[in-house]
Amino acid sequence: MLKIEPFELYSVVTGSLRLDGGAMFGVVPKVLWGNATDVDDLNRIPLATRTLLAVDRGRSRVILVDTGCGTKWNPKAAQRYAVTHDPEAIPNALRRTGLTVEQVTDVIVTHAHFDHNGGLTFWRNEPGGELRLHYPQARHWIHRRHWEHAHHPFVKDRASFLLEDFHPLEKAGVLHFVEGEAPESPFEGVEWFISHGHTPYLLHPVLGTGEQRLMFVSDLVPTVNHLRLTWVMAYDVEPLRTIEEKESIYKLCLKNEVLIAFPHDPRVGGVAIVGEIERPIVSRVLEL
């Protein structure tokens, strides 16, 4: 657990998947990235799916940032990506802090790709059956323009959006839209950083009210091996913009001691960085 006022922060591993190493590192040759991570005989690298749990006990606010891949997978698709998902990971993490699923007040949907928020919904009885929300009492925060994009994606990224993951949120009346390029904070302790390189209007929460804060960097920096400025994914819709946005994040982190929380690193939940924007260095691994 990491304490950053007013929050207790936990990085919860909800599952895992494997994606092609070349796609995950873009134009970086395998002779470089292959030394930084394991790779299987299908050229896939191991990734975690991480949910950031933020608990503000003073205000009775319990926030989840992303929800993992979820369980709505047919065997063929699950095998293709080596998807695993533990439906008890988040409930167990909540129980360890003395909380329950019913006490989750807010879910921040950074973006609607299946590996980040397939866990918003589940099949009630059988595969392909009635869809239910995992957190029906919670407010679900997503950028309005990303919500629109998720329903009308580009040809390049449409395979990353599965309507059954997020479409039921609208009917349930739990959607709360974030608006614009510089949106106001929805409540004390959370501010927004908006990016577009990976997918349009990706929502990054920056948590904390004191001198130290933490940013969930999402897929701009999916793992510790992506800290290098130019190590960006082929999945990004605008890779050059991703690099510019990583520069902005690193300036913020290096100047203001903002910490980083990863969405996909299989071993590290988050880090503090020092050094230069071109090549940041891990100074401390966070106990998240």
C-alpha atoms as a PDB file:
ATOM      1  CA  MET A   1       0.000   0.000   0.000  1.00  0.00           C
ATOM      2  CA  LEU A   2       1.153   3.512  -0.868  1.00  0.00           C
ATOM      3  CA  LYS A   3      -0.203   6.460   1.089  1.00  0.00           C
ATOM      4  CA  ILE A   4      -0.665   9.697  -0.844  1.00  0.00           C
ATOM      5  CA  GLU A   5      -3.100  12.071   0.822  1.00  0.00           C
ATOM      6  CA  PRO A   6      -6.011  11.597   0.902  1.00  0.00           C
ATOM      7  CA  PHE A   7      -5.693   8.104  -0.578  1.00  0.00           C
ATOM      8  CA  GLU A   8      -4.510   4.644   0.232  1.00  0.00           C
ATOM      9  CA  LEU A   9      -3.348   3.261  -3.141  1.00  0.00           C
ATOM     10  CA  TYR A  10      -3.100  -0.367  -4.247  1.00  0.00           C
ATOM     11  CA  SER A  11      -2.135  -1.881  -7.611  1.00  0.00           C
ATOM     12  CA  VAL A  12      -4.328  -4.967  -8.020  1.00  0.00           C
ATOM     13  CA  VAL A  13      -3.336  -7.594 -10.581  1.00  0.00           C
ATOM     14  CA  THR A  14      -6.641  -8.824 -12.001  1.00  0.00           C
ATOM     15  CA  GLY A  15      -5.173 -11.178 -14.600  1.00  0.00           C
ATOM     16  CA  SER A  16      -2.732 -11.533 -17.448  1.00  0.00           C
ATOM     17  CA  LEU A  17      -2.453 -11.738 -21.211  1.00  0.00           C
ATOM     18  CA  ARG A  18       0.196 -12.073 -23.905  1.00  0.00           C
ATOM     19  CA  LEU A  19       0.506  -9.763 -26.892  1.00  0.00           C
ATOM     20  CA  ASP A  20       2.919  -9.766 -29.809  1.00  0.00           C
ATOM     21  CA  GLY A  21       6.243  -8.260 -28.798  1.00  0.00           C
ATOM     22  CA  GLY A  22       6.695  -6.471 -32.100  1.00  0.00           C
ATOM     23  CA  ALA A  23       3.304  -4.806 -31.747  1.00  0.00           C
ATOM     24  CA  MET A  24       4.064  -3.837 -28.152  1.00  0.00           C
ATOM     25  CA  PHE A  25       7.357  -2.140 -29.062  1.00  0.00           C
ATOM     26  CA  GLY A  26       6.606  -0.757 -32.517  1.00  0.00           C
ATOM     27  CA  VAL A  27       9.718   0.091 -34.536  1.00  0.00           C
ATOM     28  CA  VAL A  28      12.102  -0.935 -31.753  1.00  0.00           C
ATOM     29  CA  PRO A  29      13.928  -4.057 -33.023  1.00  0.00           C
ATOM     30  CA  LYS A  30      13.624  -7.330 -31.163  1.00  0.00           C
ATOM     31  CA  VAL A  31      17.382  -7.398 -30.600  1.00  0.00           C
ATOM     32  CA  LEU A  32      16.716  -4.554 -28.109  1.00  0.00           C
ATOM     33  CA  TRP A  33      13.326  -5.310 -26.574  1.00  0.00           C
ATOM     34  CA  GLY A  34      14.009  -9.042 -26.515  1.00  0.00           C
ATOM     35  CA  ASN A  35      16.626  -8.411 -23.834  1.00  0.00           C
ATOM     36  CA  ALA A  36      14.127  -6.548 -21.680  1.00  0.00           C
ATOM     37  CA  THR A  37      11.307  -9.101 -21.380  1.00  0.00           C
ATOM     38  CA  ASP A  38      10.430 -12.761 -21.778  1.00  0.00           C
ATOM     39  CA  VAL A  39       8.976 -13.922 -25.084  1.00  0.00           C
ATOM     40  CA  ASP A  40       7.204 -17.177 -25.952  1.00  0.00           C
ATOM     41  CA  ASP A  41       7.409 -19.270 -29.123  1.00  0.00           C
ATOM     42  CA  LEU A  42       4.595 -17.201 -30.668  1.00  0.00           C
ATOM     43  CA  ASN A  43       6.597 -14.000 -30.124  1.00  0.00           C
ATOM     44  CA  ARG A  44       4.218 -12.866 -27.371  1.00  0.00           C
ATOM     45  CA  ILE A  45       5.369 -11.085 -24.221  1.00  0.00           C
ATOM     46  CA  PRO A  46       3.755 -11.459 -20.772  1.00  0.00           C
ATOM     47  CA  LEU A  47       1.601  -8.604 -19.518  1.00  0.00           C
ATOM     48  CA  ALA A  48      -0.462  -8.069 -16.401  1.00  0.00           C
ATOM     49  CA  THR A  49      -3.808  -6.336 -16.214  1.00  0.00           C
ATOM     50  CA  ARG A  50      -3.734  -3.958 -13.274  1.00  0.00           C
ATOM     51  CA  THR A  51      -6.499  -2.055 -11.519  1.00  0.00           C
ATOM     52  CA  LEU A  52      -5.507   0.897  -9.362  1.00  0.00           C
ATOM     53  CA  LEU A  53      -7.572   0.967  -6.169  1.00  0.00           C
ATOM     54  CA  ALA A  54      -7.738   4.343  -4.388  1.00  0.00           C
ATOM     55  CA  VAL A  55      -9.439   4.599  -0.988  1.00  0.00           C
ATOM     56  CA  ASP A  56     -10.251   7.947   0.651  1.00  0.00           C
ATOM     57  CA  ARG A  57     -11.608   6.908   4.027  1.00  0.00           C
ATOM     58  CA  GLY A  58     -12.276  10.448   5.193  1.00  0.00           C
ATOM     59  CA  ARG A  59     -14.764  11.010   2.376  1.00  0.00           C
ATOM     60  CA  SER A  60     -15.932   7.383   2.054  1.00  0.00           C
ATOM     61  CA  ARG A  61     -14.764   7.351  -1.562  1.00  0.00           C
ATOM     62  CA  VAL A  62     -13.571   4.101  -3.151  1.00  0.00           C
ATOM     63  CA  ILE A  63     -12.207   4.439  -6.694  1.00  0.00           C
ATOM     64  CA  LEU A  64     -11.243   1.787  -9.224  1.00  0.00           C
ATOM     65  CA  VAL A  65      -9.107   2.808 -12.195  1.00  0.00           C
ATOM     66  CA  ASP A  66      -9.796   0.232 -14.941  1.00  0.00           C
ATOM     67  CA  THR A  67     -11.193  -3.254 -14.381  1.00  0.00           C
ATOM     68  CA  GLY A  68      -9.129  -5.736 -16.432  1.00  0.00           C
ATOM     69  CA  CYS A  69     -10.104  -8.117 -19.227  1.00  0.00           C
ATOM     70  CA  GLY A  70     -13.172  -9.591 -17.559  1.00  0.00           C
ATOM     71  CA  THR A  71     -14.558 -13.082 -18.081  1.00  0.00           C
ATOM     72  CA  LYS A  72     -16.624 -12.674 -21.269  1.00  0.00           C
ATOM     73  CA  TRP A  73     -14.255 -14.670 -23.481  1.00  0.00           C
ATOM     74  CA  ASN A  74     -14.806 -17.554 -25.835  1.00  0.00           C
ATOM     75  CA  PRO A  75     -12.036 -20.178 -25.640  1.00  0.00           C
ATOM     76  CA  LYS A  76     -10.552 -19.365 -29.060  1.00  0.00           C
ATOM     77  CA  ALA A  77     -10.133 -15.660 -28.350  1.00  0.00           C
ATOM     78  CA  ALA A  78      -8.846 -16.298 -24.849  1.00  0.00           C
ATOM     79  CA  GLN A  79      -6.237 -18.681 -26.234  1.00  0.00           C
ATOM     80  CA  ARG A  80      -5.140 -16.195 -28.901  1.00  0.00           C
ATOM     81  CA  TYR A  81      -4.228 -13.615 -26.261  1.00  0.00           C
ATOM     82  CA  ALA A  82      -3.505 -16.082 -23.422  1.00  0.00           C
ATOM     83  CA  VAL A  83      -6.096 -14.215 -21.354  1.00  0.00           C
ATOM     84  CA  THR A  84      -6.583 -15.009 -17.691  1.00  0.00           C
ATOM     85  CA  HIS A  85      -8.845 -13.038 -15.380  1.00  0.00           C
ATOM     86  CA  ASP A  86      -9.467 -13.563 -11.677  1.00  0.00           C
ATOM     87  CA  PRO A  87     -12.995 -12.331 -10.912  1.00  0.00           C
ATOM     88  CA  GLU A  88     -12.156 -12.367  -7.208  1.00  0.00           C
ATOM     89  CA  ALA A  89      -9.034 -10.194  -7.471  1.00  0.00           C
ATOM     90  CA  ILE A  90     -10.811  -6.870  -6.894  1.00  0.00           C
ATOM     91  CA  PRO A  91     -13.299  -8.197  -4.283  1.00  0.00           C
ATOM     92  CA  ASN A  92     -10.392  -9.781  -2.395  1.00  0.00           C
ATOM     93  CA  ALA A  93      -8.356  -6.570  -2.533  1.00  0.00           C
ATOM     94  CA  LEU A  94     -11.344  -4.651  -1.196  1.00  0.00           C
ATOM     95  CA  ARG A  95     -11.877  -7.168   1.599  1.00  0.00           C
ATOM     96  CA  ARG A  96      -8.243  -6.836   2.661  1.00  0.00           C
ATOM     97  CA  THR A  97      -8.885  -3.122   3.195  1.00  0.00           C
ATOM     98  CA  GLY A  98     -12.124  -3.763   5.091  1.00  0.00           C
ATOM     99  CA  LEU A  99     -14.374  -2.847   2.157  1.00  0.00           C
ATOM    100  CA  THR A 100     -16.850  -4.537  -0.187  1.00  0.00           C
ATOM    101  CA  VAL A 101     -17.730  -4.283  -3.871  1.00  0.00           C
ATOM    102  CA  GLU A 102     -20.934  -2.482  -2.914  1.00  0.00           C
ATOM    103  CA  GLN A 103     -18.860   0.329  -1.421  1.00  0.00           C
ATOM    104  CA  VAL A 104     -17.110   1.199  -4.705  1.00  0.00           C
ATOM    105  CA  THR A 105     -18.214   4.770  -5.430  1.00  0.00           C
ATOM    106  CA  ASP A 106     -16.379   5.526  -8.672  1.00  0.00           C
ATOM    107  CA  VAL A 107     -14.899   3.644 -11.629  1.00  0.00           C
ATOM    108  CA  ILE A 108     -12.514   5.566 -13.875  1.00  0.00           C
ATOM    109  CA  VAL A 109     -12.604   4.125 -17.388  1.00  0.00           C
ATOM    110  CA  THR A 110      -9.300   5.323 -18.816  1.00  0.00           C
ATOM    111  CA  HIS A 111     -10.365   3.954 -22.193  1.00  0.00           C
ATOM    112  CA  ALA A 112     -12.660   1.203 -23.418  1.00  0.00           C
ATOM    113  CA  HIS A 113     -10.154  -1.295 -24.855  1.00  0.00           C
ATOM    114  CA  PHE A 114     -10.997  -4.841 -23.836  1.00  0.00           C
ATOM    115  CA  ASP A 115      -7.799  -5.409 -21.860  1.00  0.00           C
ATOM    116  CA  HIS A 116      -8.508  -2.401 -19.660  1.00  0.00           C
ATOM    117  CA  ASN A 117     -12.244  -2.516 -19.101  1.00  0.00           C
ATOM    118  CA  GLY A 118     -13.715  -5.835 -20.160  1.00  0.00           C
ATOM    119  CA  GLY A 119     -14.335  -6.228 -16.433  1.00  0.00           C
ATOM    120  CA  LEU A 120     -17.018  -3.547 -16.359  1.00  0.00           C
ATOM    121  CA  THR A 121     -19.634  -6.162 -17.249  1.00  0.00           C
ATOM    122  CA  PHE A 122     -20.240  -9.897 -16.957  1.00  0.00           C
ATOM    123  CA  TRP A 123     -22.625 -12.539 -18.255  1.00  0.00           C
ATOM    124  CA  ARG A 124     -25.156 -13.256 -15.564  1.00  0.00           C
ATOM    125  CA  ASN A 125     -25.833 -16.942 -16.196  1.00  0.00           C
ATOM    126  CA  GLU A 126     -24.156 -18.325 -19.298  1.00  0.00           C
ATOM    127  CA  PRO A 127     -21.815 -17.211 -22.096  1.00  0.00           C
ATOM    128  CA  GLY A 128     -23.625 -14.790 -24.362  1.00  0.00           C
ATOM    129  CA  GLY A 129     -26.387 -14.337 -21.798  1.00  0.00           C
ATOM    130  CA  GLU A 130     -27.719 -11.276 -19.993  1.00  0.00           C
ATOM    131  CA  LEU A 131     -25.105  -8.606 -19.327  1.00  0.00           C
ATOM    132  CA  ARG A 132     -24.770  -7.160 -15.841  1.00  0.00           C
ATOM    133  CA  LEU A 133     -22.580  -4.418 -14.379  1.00  0.00           C
ATOM    134  CA  HIS A 134     -19.979  -5.373 -11.812  1.00  0.00           C
ATOM    135  CA  TYR A 135     -20.367  -2.018 -10.018  1.00  0.00           C
ATOM    136  CA  PRO A 136     -23.966  -0.868 -10.548  1.00  0.00           C
ATOM    137  CA  GLN A 137     -23.905   1.594  -7.630  1.00  0.00           C
ATOM    138  CA  ALA A 138     -20.758   3.378  -8.813  1.00  0.00           C
ATOM    139  CA  ARG A 139     -20.357   6.411 -11.023  1.00  0.00           C
ATOM    140  CA  HIS A 140     -18.404   5.504 -14.167  1.00  0.00           C
ATOM    141  CA  TRP A 141     -16.157   8.280 -15.495  1.00  0.00           C
ATOM    142  CA  ILE A 142     -15.133   8.339 -19.166  1.00  0.00           C
ATOM    143  CA  HIS A 143     -14.345  11.122 -21.587  1.00  0.00           C
ATOM    144  CA  ARG A 144     -17.367  11.893 -23.747  1.00  0.00           C
ATOM    145  CA  ARG A 145     -15.289  12.026 -26.939  1.00  0.00           C
ATOM    146  CA  HIS A 146     -13.692   8.672 -26.172  1.00  0.00           C
ATOM    147  CA  TRP A 147     -17.155   7.199 -25.535  1.00  0.00           C
ATOM    148  CA  GLU A 148     -18.151   8.412 -28.995  1.00  0.00           C
ATOM    149  CA  HIS A 149     -14.967   6.986 -30.505  1.00  0.00           C
ATOM    150  CA  ALA A 150     -15.522   3.611 -28.849  1.00  0.00           C
ATOM    151  CA  HIS A 151     -18.844   3.352 -30.690  1.00  0.00           C
ATOM    152  CA  HIS A 152     -17.334   4.513 -34.010  1.00  0.00           C
ATOM    153  CA  PRO A 153     -13.643   3.488 -33.912  1.00  0.00           C
ATOM    154  CA  PHE A 154     -11.023   3.715 -36.611  1.00  0.00           C
ATOM    155  CA  VAL A 155     -10.372   0.723 -38.849  1.00  0.00           C
ATOM    156  CA  LYS A 156      -7.001   0.348 -37.122  1.00  0.00           C
ATOM    157  CA  ASP A 157      -8.308   0.081 -33.559  1.00  0.00           C
ATOM    158  CA  ARG A 158     -11.824  -1.301 -33.869  1.00  0.00           C
ATOM    159  CA  ALA A 159     -10.738  -4.801 -32.792  1.00  0.00           C
ATOM    160  CA  SER A 160      -9.852  -3.370 -29.371  1.00  0.00           C
ATOM    161  CA  PHE A 161     -13.438  -2.313 -28.636  1.00  0.00           C
ATOM    162  CA  LEU A 162     -16.084  -4.871 -27.663  1.00  0.00           C
ATOM    163  CA  LEU A 163     -19.507  -3.248 -27.244  1.00  0.00           C
ATOM    164  CA  GLU A 164     -20.635  -5.751 -24.639  1.00  0.00           C
ATOM    165  CA  ASP A 165     -17.883  -4.492 -22.334  1.00  0.00           C
ATOM    166  CA  PHE A 166     -19.164  -0.929 -22.004  1.00  0.00           C
ATOM    167  CA  HIS A 167     -22.422  -0.317 -23.896  1.00  0.00           C
ATOM    168  CA  PRO A 168     -24.651  -1.381 -20.929  1.00  0.00           C
ATOM    169  CA  LEU A 169     -23.314   1.535 -18.860  1.00  0.00           C
ATOM    170  CA  GLU A 170     -25.509   3.999 -20.735  1.00  0.00           C
ATOM    171  CA  LYS A 171     -28.771   2.136 -20.143  1.00  0.00           C
ATOM    172  CA  ALA A 172     -27.901   1.682 -16.481  1.00  0.00           C
ATOM    173  CA  GLY A 173     -27.597   5.443 -16.012  1.00  0.00           C
ATOM    174  CA  VAL A 174     -24.181   5.305 -14.332  1.00  0.00           C
ATOM    175  CA  LEU A 175     -22.180   7.223 -16.962  1.00  0.00           C
ATOM    176  CA  HIS A 176     -20.538  10.497 -15.996  1.00  0.00           C
ATOM    177  CA  PHE A 177     -18.796  12.238 -18.856  1.00  0.00           C
ATOM    178  CA  VAL A 178     -15.548  14.159 -18.649  1.00  0.00           C
ATOM    179  CA  GLU A 179     -15.567  17.054 -21.107  1.00  0.00           C
ATOM    180  CA  GLY A 180     -12.948  18.955 -23.094  1.00  0.00           C
ATOM    181  CA  GLU A 181      -9.160  19.079 -23.280  1.00  0.00           C
ATOM    182  CA  ALA A 182      -8.633  20.558 -19.813  1.00  0.00           C
ATOM    183  CA  PRO A 183     -11.487  19.141 -17.741  1.00  0.00           C
ATOM    184  CA  GLU A 184     -12.206  20.209 -14.206  1.00  0.00           C
ATOM    185  CA  SER A 185     -11.543  17.852 -11.343  1.00  0.00           C
ATOM    186  CA  PRO A 186     -14.624  15.752 -10.539  1.00  0.00           C
ATOM    187  CA  PHE A 187     -13.831  15.698  -6.816  1.00  0.00           C
ATOM    188  CA  GLU A 188     -11.016  16.518  -4.441  1.00  0.00           C
ATOM    189  CA  GLY A 189      -7.867  14.527  -4.960  1.00  0.00           C
ATOM    190  CA  VAL A 190      -8.296  13.664  -8.653  1.00  0.00           C
ATOM    191  CA  GLU A 191      -7.229  15.688 -11.678  1.00  0.00           C
ATOM    192  CA  TRP A 192      -7.174  14.662 -15.337  1.00  0.00           C
ATOM    193  CA  PHE A 193      -4.443  14.399 -17.940  1.00  0.00           C
ATOM    194  CA  ILE A 194      -5.835  13.772 -21.434  1.00  0.00           C
ATOM    195  CA  SER A 195      -3.870  12.003 -24.171  1.00  0.00           C
ATOM    196  CA  HIS A 196      -4.600  11.039 -27.789  1.00  0.00           C
ATOM    197  CA  GLY A 197      -1.601   9.094 -29.101  1.00  0.00           C
ATOM    198  CA  HIS A 198      -2.735   5.642 -28.035  1.00  0.00           C
ATOM    199  CA  THR A 199      -6.435   6.278 -28.547  1.00  0.00           C
ATOM    200  CA  PRO A 200      -8.473   9.500 -28.686  1.00  0.00           C
ATOM    201  CA  TYR A 201      -9.273  11.148 -25.343  1.00  0.00           C
ATOM    202  CA  LEU A 202      -7.643   8.609 -23.073  1.00  0.00           C
ATOM    203  CA  LEU A 203      -8.248   9.631 -19.457  1.00  0.00           C
ATOM    204  CA  HIS A 204      -5.313   9.570 -17.016  1.00  0.00           C
ATOM    205  CA  PRO A 205      -6.158  10.268 -13.371  1.00  0.00           C
ATOM    206  CA  VAL A 206      -3.594  12.144 -11.290  1.00  0.00           C
ATOM    207  CA  LEU A 207      -4.249  11.371  -7.626  1.00  0.00           C
ATOM    208  CA  GLY A 208      -3.271  13.282  -4.503  1.00  0.00           C
ATOM    209  CA  THR A 209      -3.688  16.687  -2.875  1.00  0.00           C
ATOM    210  CA  GLY A 210      -0.281  17.183  -1.273  1.00  0.00           C
ATOM    211  CA  GLU A 211       3.243  17.691  -2.577  1.00  0.00           C
ATOM    212  CA  GLN A 212       3.391  14.130  -3.896  1.00  0.00           C
ATOM    213  CA  ARG A 213       0.944  12.761  -6.467  1.00  0.00           C
ATOM    214  CA  LEU A 214       0.596   9.658  -8.631  1.00  0.00           C
ATOM    215  CA  MET A 215      -0.461   9.356 -12.275  1.00  0.00           C
ATOM    216  CA  PHE A 216      -1.946   6.225 -13.809  1.00  0.00           C
ATOM    217  CA  VAL A 217      -0.095   6.428 -17.124  1.00  0.00           C
ATOM    218  CA  SER A 218      -2.182   3.758 -18.859  1.00  0.00           C
ATOM    219  CA  ASP A 219      -1.052   2.695 -22.333  1.00  0.00           C
ATOM    220  CA  LEU A 220       1.231   5.657 -22.954  1.00  0.00           C
ATOM    221  CA  VAL A 221       3.701   3.737 -20.763  1.00  0.00           C
ATOM    222  CA  PRO A 222       2.243   0.241 -20.384  1.00  0.00           C
ATOM    223  CA  THR A 223       5.255  -1.318 -18.608  1.00  0.00           C
ATOM    224  CA  VAL A 224       8.532  -0.271 -17.051  1.00  0.00           C
ATOM    225  CA  ASN A 225      10.208  -1.408 -20.287  1.00  0.00           C
ATOM    226  CA  HIS A 226       8.323   1.340 -22.146  1.00  0.00           C
ATOM    227  CA  LEU A 227       9.818   4.183 -20.116  1.00  0.00           C
ATOM    228  CA  ARG A 228      12.246   5.078 -22.904  1.00  0.00           C
ATOM    229  CA  LEU A 229      10.741   7.996 -24.757  1.00  0.00           C
ATOM    230  CA  THR A 230      10.670   6.405 -28.222  1.00  0.00           C
ATOM    231  CA  TRP A 231       9.626   2.910 -27.133  1.00  0.00           C
ATOM    232  CA  VAL A 232       5.973   3.155 -28.133  1.00  0.00           C
ATOM    233  CA  MET A 233       3.471   0.608 -29.395  1.00  0.00           C
ATOM    234  CA  ALA A 234       2.390  -0.175 -32.937  1.00  0.00           C
ATOM    235  CA  TYR A 235      -1.132  -0.262 -31.466  1.00  0.00           C
ATOM    236  CA  ASP A 236      -1.001   3.524 -30.983  1.00  0.00           C
ATOM    237  CA  VAL A 237      -3.154   5.440 -33.438  1.00  0.00           C
ATOM    238  CA  GLU A 238      -0.673   8.361 -33.445  1.00  0.00           C
ATOM    239  CA  PRO A 239       2.773   7.118 -32.310  1.00  0.00           C
ATOM    240  CA  LEU A 240       4.500  10.478 -32.745  1.00  0.00           C
ATOM    241  CA  ARG A 241       1.871  12.091 -30.574  1.00  0.00           C
ATOM    242  CA  THR A 242       2.424   9.381 -27.972  1.00  0.00           C
ATOM    243  CA  ILE A 243       6.080  10.435 -27.792  1.00  0.00           C
ATOM    244  CA  GLU A 244       5.076  14.088 -27.326  1.00  0.00           C
ATOM    245  CA  GLU A 245       2.638  13.129 -24.581  1.00  0.00           C
ATOM    246  CA  LYS A 246       5.250  11.000 -22.826  1.00  0.00           C
ATOM    247  CA  GLU A 247       7.514  14.057 -22.871  1.00  0.00           C
ATOM    248  CA  SER A 248       4.774  16.057 -21.130  1.00  0.00           C
ATOM    249  CA  ILE A 249       4.291  13.358 -18.520  1.00  0.00           C
ATOM    250  CA  TYR A 250       8.005  13.079 -17.803  1.00  0.00           C
ATOM    251  CA  LYS A 251       8.335  16.859 -17.448  1.00  0.00           C
ATOM    252  CA  LEU A 252       5.538  16.759 -14.880  1.00  0.00           C
ATOM    253  CA  CYS A 253       7.029  13.789 -13.054  1.00  0.00           C
ATOM    254  CA  LEU A 254      10.590  15.121 -12.956  1.00  0.00           C
ATOM    255  CA  LYS A 255       9.649  18.666 -11.988  1.00  0.00           C
ATOM    256  CA  ASN A 256       6.916  17.901  -9.456  1.00  0.00           C
ATOM    257  CA  GLU A 257       7.888  14.436  -8.193  1.00  0.00           C
ATOM    258  CA  VAL A 258       4.777  12.847  -9.644  1.00  0.00           C
ATOM    259  CA  LEU A 259       4.913   9.051  -9.372  1.00  0.00           C
ATOM    260  CA  ILE A 260       3.914   6.610 -12.115  1.00  0.00           C
ATOM    261  CA  ALA A 261       1.506   3.649 -11.913  1.00  0.00           C
ATOM    262  CA  PHE A 262       1.589   1.109 -14.759  1.00  0.00           C
ATOM    263  CA  PRO A 263      -1.360  -0.807 -16.262  1.00  0.00           C
ATOM    264  CA  HIS A 264       0.462  -3.849 -17.659  1.00  0.00           C
ATOM    265  CA  ASP A 265       3.803  -4.511 -16.014  1.00  0.00           C
ATOM    266  CA  PRO A 266       3.822  -8.109 -14.715  1.00  0.00           C
ATOM    267  CA  ARG A 267       6.217  -7.348 -11.855  1.00  0.00           C
ATOM    268  CA  VAL A 268       6.098  -3.633 -11.046  1.00  0.00           C
ATOM    269  CA  GLY A 269       3.005  -1.669 -10.035  1.00  0.00           C
ATOM    270  CA  GLY A 270       4.650   1.724 -10.183  1.00  0.00           C
ATOM    271  CA  VAL A 271       7.879   3.713  -9.945  1.00  0.00           C
ATOM    272  CA  ALA A 272       9.454   7.055  -9.194  1.00  0.00           C
ATOM    273  CA  ILE A 273      11.728   8.383 -11.927  1.00  0.00           C
ATOM    274  CA  VAL A 274      14.759  10.664 -12.130  1.00  0.00           C
ATOM    275  CA  GLY A 275      17.127  11.583 -14.944  1.00  0.00           C
ATOM    276  CA  GLU A 276      16.325  13.169 -18.286  1.00  0.00           C
ATOM    277  CA  ILE A 277      13.149  13.286 -20.370  1.00  0.00           C
ATOM    278  CA  GLU A 278      14.897  11.439 -23.196  1.00  0.00           C
ATOM    279  CA  ARG A 279      15.806   8.544 -20.917  1.00  0.00           C
ATOM    280  CA  PRO A 280      14.161   8.500 -17.479  1.00  0.00           C
ATOM    281  CA  ILE A 281      15.648   6.232 -14.839  1.00  0.00           C
ATOM    282  CA  VAL A 282      13.789   4.307 -12.151  1.00  0.00           C
ATOM    283  CA  SER A 283      14.859   5.678  -8.774  1.00  0.00           C
ATOM    284  CA  ARG A 284      12.407   3.705  -6.676  1.00  0.00           C
ATOM    285  CA  VAL A 285       9.918   0.874  -7.135  1.00  0.00           C
ATOM    286  CA  LEU A 286       6.669   1.709  -5.353  1.00  0.00           C
ATOM    287  CA  GLU A 287       5.071  -0.533  -2.774  1.00  0.00           C
ATOM    288  CA  LEU A 288       1.645  -0.470  -4.355  1.00  0.00           C
END
